[in-house]
PDB file of N, CA and C in Angstrom:
ATOM      1  N   MET A   1       0.413  -0.971   0.163  1.00  0.00           N
ATOM      2  CA  MET A   1      -0.493   0.034  -0.115  1.00  0.00           C
ATOM      3  C   MET A   1       0.800   1.178   0.277  1.00  0.00           C
ATOM      4  N   THR A   2       0.417   2.502  -0.608  1.00  0.00           N
ATOM      5  CA  THR A   2       1.184   3.647  -0.448  1.00  0.00           C
ATOM      6  C   THR A   2       0.734   4.222   0.451  1.00  0.00           C
ATOM      7  N   TRP A   3       1.676   5.044   0.455  1.00  0.00           N
ATOM      8  CA  TRP A   3       1.715   6.438   1.081  1.00  0.00           C
ATOM      9  C   TRP A   3       1.338   7.482   0.675  1.00  0.00           C
ATOM     10  N   THR A   4       0.643   8.640   0.796  1.00  0.00           N
ATOM     11  CA  THR A   4       0.321  10.095   0.409  1.00  0.00           C
ATOM     12  C   THR A   4       1.443  10.998   0.905  1.00  0.00           C
ATOM     13  N   VAL A   5       1.783  12.050   0.340  1.00  0.00           N
ATOM     14  CA  VAL A   5       2.516  12.118   0.558  1.00  0.00           C
ATOM     15  C   VAL A   5       2.445  14.049  -0.016  1.00  0.00           C
ATOM     16  N   GLU A   6       2.335  15.185   0.722  1.00  0.00           N
ATOM     17  CA  GLU A   6       2.025  16.267   0.053  1.00  0.00           C
ATOM     18  C   GLU A   6       2.858  17.131   1.013  1.00  0.00           C
ATOM     19  N   LEU A   7       3.148  18.534  -0.269  1.00  0.00           N
ATOM     20  CA  LEU A   7       3.740  19.560   0.535  1.00  0.00           C
ATOM     21  C   LEU A   7       2.512  20.625   1.700  1.00  0.00           C
ATOM     22  N   THR A   8       3.113  21.060   2.644  1.00  0.00           N
ATOM     23  CA  THR A   8       2.553  22.295   3.337  1.00  0.00           C
ATOM     24  C   THR A   8       2.302  23.847   1.866  1.00  0.00           C
ATOM     25  N   ASN A   9       1.901  24.791   2.244  1.00  0.00           N
ATOM     26  CA  ASN A   9       1.689  25.627   1.464  1.00  0.00           C
ATOM     27  C   ASN A   9       2.707  26.582   1.639  1.00  0.00           C
ATOM     28  N   LYS A  10       3.329  26.392   3.116  1.00  0.00           N
ATOM     29  CA  LYS A  10       4.622  26.899   2.948  1.00  0.00           C
ATOM     30  C   LYS A  10       5.974  26.236   2.701  1.00  0.00           C
ATOM     31  N   ALA A  11       5.790  25.164   2.604  1.00  0.00           N
ATOM     32  CA  ALA A  11       7.149  23.766   2.204  1.00  0.00           C
ATOM     33  C   ALA A  11       7.017  24.303   0.376  1.00  0.00           C
ATOM     34  N   LYS A  12       5.703  24.699  -0.026  1.00  0.00           N
ATOM     35  CA  LYS A  12       5.325  24.861  -1.732  1.00  0.00           C
ATOM     36  C   LYS A  12       6.149  26.069  -1.901  1.00  0.00           C
ATOM     37  N   LYS A  13       5.991  26.924  -1.063  1.00  0.00           N
ATOM     38  CA  LYS A  13       7.003  28.358  -1.593  1.00  0.00           C
ATOM     39  C   LYS A  13       8.073  28.052  -1.439  1.00  0.00           C
ATOM     40  N   GLN A  14       8.784  27.502  -0.356  1.00  0.00           N
ATOM     41  CA  GLN A  14       9.920  27.463  -0.244  1.00  0.00           C
ATOM     42  C   GLN A  14      10.458  26.628  -1.139  1.00  0.00           C
ATOM     43  N   THR A  15       9.881  25.703  -1.443  1.00  0.00           N
ATOM     44  CA  THR A  15      10.073  24.481  -3.047  1.00  0.00           C
ATOM     45  C   THR A  15      10.557  25.323  -4.051  1.00  0.00           C
ATOM     46  N   ASP A  16      10.186  26.437  -4.469  1.00  0.00           N
ATOM     47  CA  ASP A  16       9.677  27.605  -5.763  1.00  0.00           C
ATOM     48  C   ASP A  16      11.706  27.836  -5.845  1.00  0.00           C
ATOM     49  N   LYS A  17      11.853  28.566  -4.319  1.00  0.00           N
ATOM     50  CA  LYS A  17      13.086  29.024  -4.399  1.00  0.00           C
ATOM     51  C   LYS A  17      14.267  28.106  -4.055  1.00  0.00           C
ATOM     52  N   LEU A  18      13.794  26.734  -4.464  1.00  0.00           N
ATOM     53  CA  LEU A  18      15.178  26.064  -4.444  1.00  0.00           C
ATOM     54  C   LEU A  18      16.217  25.929  -5.539  1.00  0.00           C
ATOM     55  N   PRO A  19      17.656  25.642  -5.758  1.00  0.00           N
ATOM     56  CA  PRO A  19      18.182  25.180  -6.975  1.00  0.00           C
ATOM     57  C   PRO A  19      17.223  24.016  -7.447  1.00  0.00           C
ATOM     58  N   LYS A  20      17.159  23.860  -8.749  1.00  0.00           N
ATOM     59  CA  LYS A  20      16.572  22.417  -9.558  1.00  0.00           C
ATOM     60  C   LYS A  20      17.258  21.264  -8.952  1.00  0.00           C
ATOM     61  N   ALA A  21      18.851  21.045  -8.659  1.00  0.00           N
ATOM     62  CA  ALA A  21      19.427  19.905  -8.298  1.00  0.00           C
ATOM     63  C   ALA A  21      18.794  19.314  -6.708  1.00  0.00           C
ATOM     64  N   VAL A  22      18.425  20.489  -6.012  1.00  0.00           N
ATOM     65  CA  VAL A  22      17.382  20.717  -4.728  1.00  0.00           C
ATOM     66  C   VAL A  22      16.217  19.619  -4.688  1.00  0.00           C
ATOM     67  N   ARG A  23      15.658  20.693  -5.729  1.00  0.00           N
ATOM     68  CA  ARG A  23      14.146  20.387  -6.474  1.00  0.00           C
ATOM     69  C   ARG A  23      13.989  18.346  -6.420  1.00  0.00           C
ATOM     70  N   ASP A  24      14.974  18.420  -7.703  1.00  0.00           N
ATOM     71  CA  ASP A  24      14.636  17.111  -7.624  1.00  0.00           C
ATOM     72  C   ASP A  24      15.342  16.350  -6.779  1.00  0.00           C
ATOM     73  N   SER A  25      16.102  16.218  -5.842  1.00  0.00           N
ATOM     74  CA  SER A  25      16.310  15.726  -4.813  1.00  0.00           C
ATOM     75  C   SER A  25      14.827  15.217  -4.190  1.00  0.00           C
ATOM     76  N   LEU A  26      14.649  16.773  -3.410  1.00  0.00           N
ATOM     77  CA  LEU A  26      12.991  16.458  -2.956  1.00  0.00           C
ATOM     78  C   LEU A  26      11.748  16.098  -3.468  1.00  0.00           C
ATOM     79  N   MET A  27      12.008  15.540  -5.264  1.00  0.00           N
ATOM     80  CA  MET A  27      10.798  15.190  -5.640  1.00  0.00           C
ATOM     81  C   MET A  27      11.297  13.180  -5.436  1.00  0.00           C
ATOM     82  N   LEU A  28      12.294  12.835  -5.845  1.00  0.00           N
ATOM     83  CA  LEU A  28      12.819  12.101  -5.360  1.00  0.00           C
ATOM     84  C   LEU A  28      12.503  11.234  -3.729  1.00  0.00           C
ATOM     85  N   LEU A  29      13.021  12.138  -3.106  1.00  0.00           N
ATOM     86  CA  LEU A  29      12.637  11.698  -1.715  1.00  0.00           C
ATOM     87  C   LEU A  29      11.261  11.248  -1.341  1.00  0.00           C
ATOM     88  N   MET A  30      10.185  12.498  -1.964  1.00  0.00           N
ATOM     89  CA  MET A  30       8.852  12.433  -1.892  1.00  0.00           C
ATOM     90  C   MET A  30       8.858  11.142  -2.589  1.00  0.00           C
ATOM     91  N   TYR A  31       9.063  10.635  -3.524  1.00  0.00           N
ATOM     92  CA  TYR A  31       8.498   9.489  -4.288  1.00  0.00           C
ATOM     93  C   TYR A  31       9.098   8.285  -3.734  1.00  0.00           C
ATOM     94  N   GLU A  32      10.388   8.046  -3.003  1.00  0.00           N
ATOM     95  CA  GLU A  32      10.546   7.291  -2.375  1.00  0.00           C
ATOM     96  C   GLU A  32       9.470   7.294  -0.537  1.00  0.00           C
ATOM     97  N   ILE A  33       9.069   7.856  -0.346  1.00  0.00           N
ATOM     98  CA  ILE A  33       8.229   8.132   1.375  1.00  0.00           C
ATOM     99  C   ILE A  33       7.142   7.483   0.471  1.00  0.00           C
ATOM    100  N   THR A  34       6.671   7.964  -0.934  1.00  0.00           N
ATOM    101  CA  THR A  34       5.011   7.584  -1.236  1.00  0.00           C
ATOM    102  C   THR A  34       5.608   5.716  -1.361  1.00  0.00           C
ATOM    103  N   ALA A  35       6.422   5.135  -1.661  1.00  0.00           N
ATOM    104  CA  ALA A  35       6.106   3.588  -1.994  1.00  0.00           C
ATOM    105  C   ALA A  35       6.624   3.233  -1.047  1.00  0.00           C
ATOM    106  N   SER A  36       7.422   3.799   0.074  1.00  0.00           N
ATOM    107  CA  SER A  36       8.346   2.686   0.944  1.00  0.00           C
ATOM    108  C   SER A  36       7.309   3.685   2.471  1.00  0.00           C
ATOM    109  N   GLY A  37       7.406   4.327   2.489  1.00  0.00           N
ATOM    110  CA  GLY A  37       6.968   4.845   3.871  1.00  0.00           C
ATOM    111  C   GLY A  37       8.089   5.905   4.316  1.00  0.00           C
ATOM    112  N   PRO A  38       7.438   6.531   6.039  1.00  0.00           N
ATOM    113  CA  PRO A  38       8.273   7.788   5.840  1.00  0.00           C
ATOM    114  C   PRO A  38       9.839   7.746   6.941  1.00  0.00           C
ATOM    115  N   VAL A  39      10.021   6.249   6.521  1.00  0.00           N
ATOM    116  CA  VAL A  39      11.210   5.867   7.558  1.00  0.00           C
ATOM    117  C   VAL A  39      12.014   6.015   5.917  1.00  0.00           C
ATOM    118  N   ARG A  40      13.396   7.015   5.839  1.00  0.00           N
ATOM    119  CA  ARG A  40      14.341   6.800   4.986  1.00  0.00           C
ATOM    120  C   ARG A  40      15.672   6.964   5.698  1.00  0.00           C
ATOM    121  N   GLY A  41      16.497   5.805   6.000  1.00  0.00           N
ATOM    122  CA  GLY A  41      17.474   5.262   6.195  1.00  0.00           C
ATOM    123  C   GLY A  41      18.487   4.975   5.477  1.00  0.00           C
ATOM    124  N   ASN A  42      18.007   5.473   3.675  1.00  0.00           N
ATOM    125  CA  ASN A  42      19.131   5.681   3.285  1.00  0.00           C
ATOM    126  C   ASN A  42      19.479   6.958   2.708  1.00  0.00           C
ATOM    127  N   TRP A  43      19.401   8.448   3.341  1.00  0.00           N
ATOM    128  CA  TRP A  43      19.786   9.280   2.715  1.00  0.00           C
ATOM    129  C   TRP A  43      20.256   9.771   3.963  1.00  0.00           C
ATOM    130  N   SER A  44      20.969  10.841   3.323  1.00  0.00           N
ATOM    131  CA  SER A  44      21.914  11.784   3.985  1.00  0.00           C
ATOM    132  C   SER A  44      21.291  11.904   5.434  1.00  0.00           C
ATOM    133  N   ASN A  45      22.448  11.523   6.789  1.00  0.00           N
ATOM    134  CA  ASN A  45      21.699  12.450   7.598  1.00  0.00           C
ATOM    135  C   ASN A  45      20.523  12.612   8.258  1.00  0.00           C
ATOM    136  N   TYR A  46      19.847  11.734   7.833  1.00  0.00           N
ATOM    137  CA  TYR A  46      18.569  10.801   8.113  1.00  0.00           C
ATOM    138  C   TYR A  46      18.495  10.649   9.758  1.00  0.00           C
ATOM    139  N   SER A  47      17.236  11.782  10.302  1.00  0.00           N
ATOM    140  CA  SER A  47      17.164  10.995  11.815  1.00  0.00           C
ATOM    141  C   SER A  47      15.831  11.304  11.779  1.00  0.00           C
ATOM    142  N   LYS A  48      15.063  10.615  12.991  1.00  0.00           N
ATOM    143  CA  LYS A  48      13.929  10.559  13.367  1.00  0.00           C
ATOM    144  C   LYS A  48      13.813  11.784  14.561  1.00  0.00           C
ATOM    145  N   LEU A  49      13.148  13.036  14.181  1.00  0.00           N
ATOM    146  CA  LEU A  49      13.034  13.958  15.115  1.00  0.00           C
ATOM    147  C   LEU A  49      12.137  13.381  16.755  1.00  0.00           C
ATOM    148  N   SER A  50      10.822  12.774  16.039  1.00  0.00           N
ATOM    149  CA  SER A  50      10.476  12.285  17.197  1.00  0.00           C
ATOM    150  C   SER A  50       9.470  11.368  16.885  1.00  0.00           C
ATOM    151  N   SER A  51       8.508  11.273  17.314  1.00  0.00           N
ATOM    152  CA  SER A  51       8.072   9.725  17.293  1.00  0.00           C
ATOM    153  C   SER A  51       7.062   9.913  15.760  1.00  0.00           C
ATOM    154  N   THR A  52       6.517  11.749  15.503  1.00  0.00           N
ATOM    155  CA  THR A  52       6.130  11.382  14.198  1.00  0.00           C
ATOM    156  C   THR A  52       7.025  12.101  13.104  1.00  0.00           C
ATOM    157  N   GLU A  53       7.953  12.661  13.655  1.00  0.00           N
ATOM    158  CA  GLU A  53       8.632  14.096  12.712  1.00  0.00           C
ATOM    159  C   GLU A  53      10.426  13.646  11.686  1.00  0.00           C
ATOM    160  N   HIS A  54      10.303  13.308  11.242  1.00  0.00           N
ATOM    161  CA  HIS A  54      11.381  13.199  10.274  1.00  0.00           C
ATOM    162  C   HIS A  54      12.502  14.521   9.938  1.00  0.00           C
ATOM    163  N   HIS A  55      13.470  14.138   9.318  1.00  0.00           N
ATOM    164  CA  HIS A  55      14.649  15.226   8.659  1.00  0.00           C
ATOM    165  C   HIS A  55      15.609  13.855   8.126  1.00  0.00           C
ATOM    166  N   CYS A  56      15.977  14.947   6.480  1.00  0.00           N
ATOM    167  CA  CYS A  56      17.506  14.173   6.363  1.00  0.00           C
ATOM    168  C   CYS A  56      17.987  15.433   5.461  1.00  0.00           C
ATOM    169  N   HIS A  57      18.815  15.581   5.513  1.00  0.00           N
ATOM    170  CA  HIS A  57      19.902  15.883   3.515  1.00  0.00           C
ATOM    171  C   HIS A  57      19.350  16.085   2.781  1.00  0.00           C
ATOM    172  N   LEU A  58      19.311  16.958   1.721  1.00  0.00           N
ATOM    173  CA  LEU A  58      18.973  16.385   0.295  1.00  0.00           C
ATOM    174  C   LEU A  58      20.249  17.444  -0.792  1.00  0.00           C
ATOM    175  N   LYS A  59      21.402  18.066   0.250  1.00  0.00           N
ATOM    176  CA  LYS A  59      22.195  18.614  -0.193  1.00  0.00           C
ATOM    177  C   LYS A  59      23.226  18.764   0.243  1.00  0.00           C
ATOM    178  N   LYS A  60      24.643  18.549   0.193  1.00  0.00           N
ATOM    179  CA  LYS A  60      25.914  18.705   1.650  1.00  0.00           C
ATOM    180  C   LYS A  60      26.374  19.528   1.043  1.00  0.00           C
ATOM    181  N   GLY A  61      27.107  20.248   1.817  1.00  0.00           N
ATOM    182  CA  GLY A  61      28.093  21.311   1.134  1.00  0.00           C
ATOM    183  C   GLY A  61      27.551  22.632   1.723  1.00  0.00           C
ATOM    184  N   LYS A  62      28.155  23.694   1.064  1.00  0.00           N
ATOM    185  CA  LYS A  62      27.624  25.010   1.862  1.00  0.00           C
ATOM    186  C   LYS A  62      26.644  25.679   0.344  1.00  0.00           C
ATOM    187  N   PRO A  63      25.544  26.226   0.979  1.00  0.00           N
ATOM    188  CA  PRO A  63      24.807  25.740   2.143  1.00  0.00           C
ATOM    189  C   PRO A  63      24.087  24.301   1.957  1.00  0.00           C
ATOM    190  N   THR A  64      23.431  23.895   2.994  1.00  0.00           N
ATOM    191  CA  THR A  64      23.233  22.045   2.963  1.00  0.00           C
ATOM    192  C   THR A  64      22.104  22.620   3.347  1.00  0.00           C
ATOM    193  N   TYR A  65      21.030  21.863   2.456  1.00  0.00           N
ATOM    194  CA  TYR A  65      19.405  21.824   2.277  1.00  0.00           C
ATOM    195  C   TYR A  65      18.880  20.596   2.927  1.00  0.00           C
ATOM    196  N   VAL A  66      17.839  20.474   3.324  1.00  0.00           N
ATOM    197  CA  VAL A  66      17.300  19.552   4.378  1.00  0.00           C
ATOM    198  C   VAL A  66      15.747  19.763   3.944  1.00  0.00           C
ATOM    199  N   ALA A  67      15.009  18.883   3.877  1.00  0.00           N
ATOM    200  CA  ALA A  67      14.062  18.360   4.109  1.00  0.00           C
ATOM    201  C   ALA A  67      12.960  18.042   5.662  1.00  0.00           C
ATOM    202  N   VAL A  68      12.083  18.396   6.018  1.00  0.00           N
ATOM    203  CA  VAL A  68      11.587  17.805   7.424  1.00  0.00           C
ATOM    204  C   VAL A  68      10.480  17.432   6.388  1.00  0.00           C
ATOM    205  N   TRP A  69       9.496  16.195   7.008  1.00  0.00           N
ATOM    206  CA  TRP A  69       8.614  15.953   7.327  1.00  0.00           C
ATOM    207  C   TRP A  69       8.134  15.062   8.442  1.00  0.00           C
ATOM    208  N   ARG A  70       6.483  14.649   8.498  1.00  0.00           N
ATOM    209  CA  ARG A  70       5.674  14.481   9.627  1.00  0.00           C
ATOM    210  C   ARG A  70       4.578  13.329   9.213  1.00  0.00           C
ATOM    211  N   GLU A  71       4.650  12.335  10.274  1.00  0.00           N
ATOM    212  CA  GLU A  71       3.158  11.823   9.834  1.00  0.00           C
ATOM    213  C   GLU A  71       1.815  11.861  10.564  1.00  0.00           C
ATOM    214  N   ASP A  72       0.864  12.098  10.028  1.00  0.00           N
ATOM    215  CA  ASP A  72      -0.459  12.570  10.699  1.00  0.00           C
ATOM    216  C   ASP A  72      -1.083  11.307  10.853  1.00  0.00           C
ATOM    217  N   LYS A  73      -1.296  11.149  12.489  1.00  0.00           N
ATOM    218  CA  LYS A  73      -1.715  10.582  12.995  1.00  0.00           C
ATOM    219  C   LYS A  73      -2.809  10.077  12.910  1.00  0.00           C
ATOM    220  N   GLY A  74      -3.597  10.850  12.624  1.00  0.00           N
ATOM    221  CA  GLY A  74      -4.711  11.028  12.562  1.00  0.00           C
ATOM    222  C   GLY A  74      -5.775  10.346  10.929  1.00  0.00           C
ATOM    223  N   ARG A  75      -4.180  10.313  10.147  1.00  0.00           N
ATOM    224  CA  ARG A  75      -5.141  10.092   8.944  1.00  0.00           C
ATOM    225  C   ARG A  75      -3.933   9.131   8.528  1.00  0.00           C
ATOM    226  N   VAL A  76      -4.615   7.493   7.407  1.00  0.00           N
ATOM    227  CA  VAL A  76      -3.758   6.456   7.391  1.00  0.00           C
ATOM    228  C   VAL A  76      -3.025   6.962   5.893  1.00  0.00           C
ATOM    229  N   ARG A  77      -1.593   6.382   6.643  1.00  0.00           N
ATOM    230  CA  ARG A  77      -0.924   6.390   5.530  1.00  0.00           C
ATOM    231  C   ARG A  77      -0.588   8.350   4.929  1.00  0.00           C
ATOM    232  N   PHE A  78      -0.688   8.829   5.409  1.00  0.00           N
ATOM    233  CA  PHE A  78      -0.578  10.088   5.459  1.00  0.00           C
ATOM    234  C   PHE A  78       0.599  11.055   5.816  1.00  0.00           C
ATOM    235  N   VAL A  79       1.758  11.289   4.930  1.00  0.00           N
ATOM    236  CA  VAL A  79       3.177  12.597   5.463  1.00  0.00           C
ATOM    237  C   VAL A  79       3.203  13.684   4.747  1.00  0.00           C
ATOM    238  N   GLU A  80       3.197  14.642   5.486  1.00  0.00           N
ATOM    239  CA  GLU A  80       2.925  15.518   4.990  1.00  0.00           C
ATOM    240  C   GLU A  80       4.507  15.991   5.093  1.00  0.00           C
ATOM    241  N   VAL A  81       4.997  17.357   3.914  1.00  0.00           N
ATOM    242  CA  VAL A  81       6.496  17.683   4.322  1.00  0.00           C
ATOM    243  C   VAL A  81       6.106  19.172   4.838  1.00  0.00           C
ATOM    244  N   THR A  82       7.033  19.273   6.074  1.00  0.00           N
ATOM    245  CA  THR A  82       6.394  21.014   6.641  1.00  0.00           C
ATOM    246  C   THR A  82       7.605  21.844   6.458  1.00  0.00           C
ATOM    247  N   TYR A  83       9.274  21.271   5.946  1.00  0.00           N
ATOM    248  CA  TYR A  83      10.100  22.407   5.480  1.00  0.00           C
ATOM    249  C   TYR A  83      10.883  22.112   4.748  1.00  0.00           C
ATOM    250  N   VAL A  84      11.408  22.439   3.809  1.00  0.00           N
ATOM    251  CA  VAL A  84      12.342  22.718   2.723  1.00  0.00           C
ATOM    252  C   VAL A  84      13.038  23.660   2.693  1.00  0.00           C
ATOM    253  N   GLY A  85      14.798  23.245   2.289  1.00  0.00           N
ATOM    254  CA  GLY A  85      15.715  25.236   2.906  1.00  0.00           C
ATOM    255  C   GLY A  85      16.537  24.567   3.155  1.00  0.00           C
ATOM    256  N   THR A  86      17.331  25.399   3.678  1.00  0.00           N
ATOM    257  CA  THR A  86      18.480  25.612   4.563  1.00  0.00           C
ATOM    258  C   THR A  86      19.191  24.797   5.211  1.00  0.00           C
ATOM    259  N   HIS A  87      19.969  24.365   6.186  1.00  0.00           N
ATOM    260  CA  HIS A  87      20.039  23.591   7.356  1.00  0.00           C
ATOM    261  C   HIS A  87      19.899  24.955   8.879  1.00  0.00           C
ATOM    262  N   GLU A  88      20.104  25.835   8.352  1.00  0.00           N
ATOM    263  CA  GLU A  88      20.348  27.273   9.755  1.00  0.00           C
ATOM    264  C   GLU A  88      19.008  27.460  10.022  1.00  0.00           C
ATOM    265  N   LYS A  89      17.956  27.484   8.638  1.00  0.00           N
ATOM    266  CA  LYS A  89      16.702  27.736   9.147  1.00  0.00           C
ATOM    267  C   LYS A  89      15.802  27.069   9.724  1.00  0.00           C
ATOM    268  N   ALA A  90      16.123  25.557   9.679  1.00  0.00           N
ATOM    269  CA  ALA A  90      15.239  24.406   9.390  1.00  0.00           C
ATOM    270  C   ALA A  90      14.698  24.287  11.636  1.00  0.00           C
ATOM    271  N   PRO A  91      13.705  23.842  11.340  1.00  0.00           N
ATOM    272  CA  PRO A  91      12.581  24.032  12.268  1.00  0.00           C
ATOM    273  C   PRO A  91      12.859  23.002  13.063  1.00  0.00           C
ATOM    274  N   TYR A  92      14.295  22.411  13.972  1.00  0.00           N
ATOM    275  CA  TYR A  92      14.409  21.398  15.018  1.00  0.00           C
ATOM    276  C   TYR A  92      15.475  22.002  15.795  1.00  0.00           C
TER     277      TYR A  92
END
């Protein structure tokens, strides 16, 4: 069974400002979450921030770009990407 993955409105706006290579990495991450679920141990610097929040690096270097997503326990197999951008401004 597949997962539903959506971007918050804030994350959609952030995505528009990303370099193309980082946007492509985000799309690949979202595809993998859709196919295999929110735990993505195969991504660089992946970690679980809480029981429902996760993060990983989309691009290393300067600046480092990260994605943060959360599982919605109120909905079945639903994940929402809440932040995409530089590591310095990440909400964790």
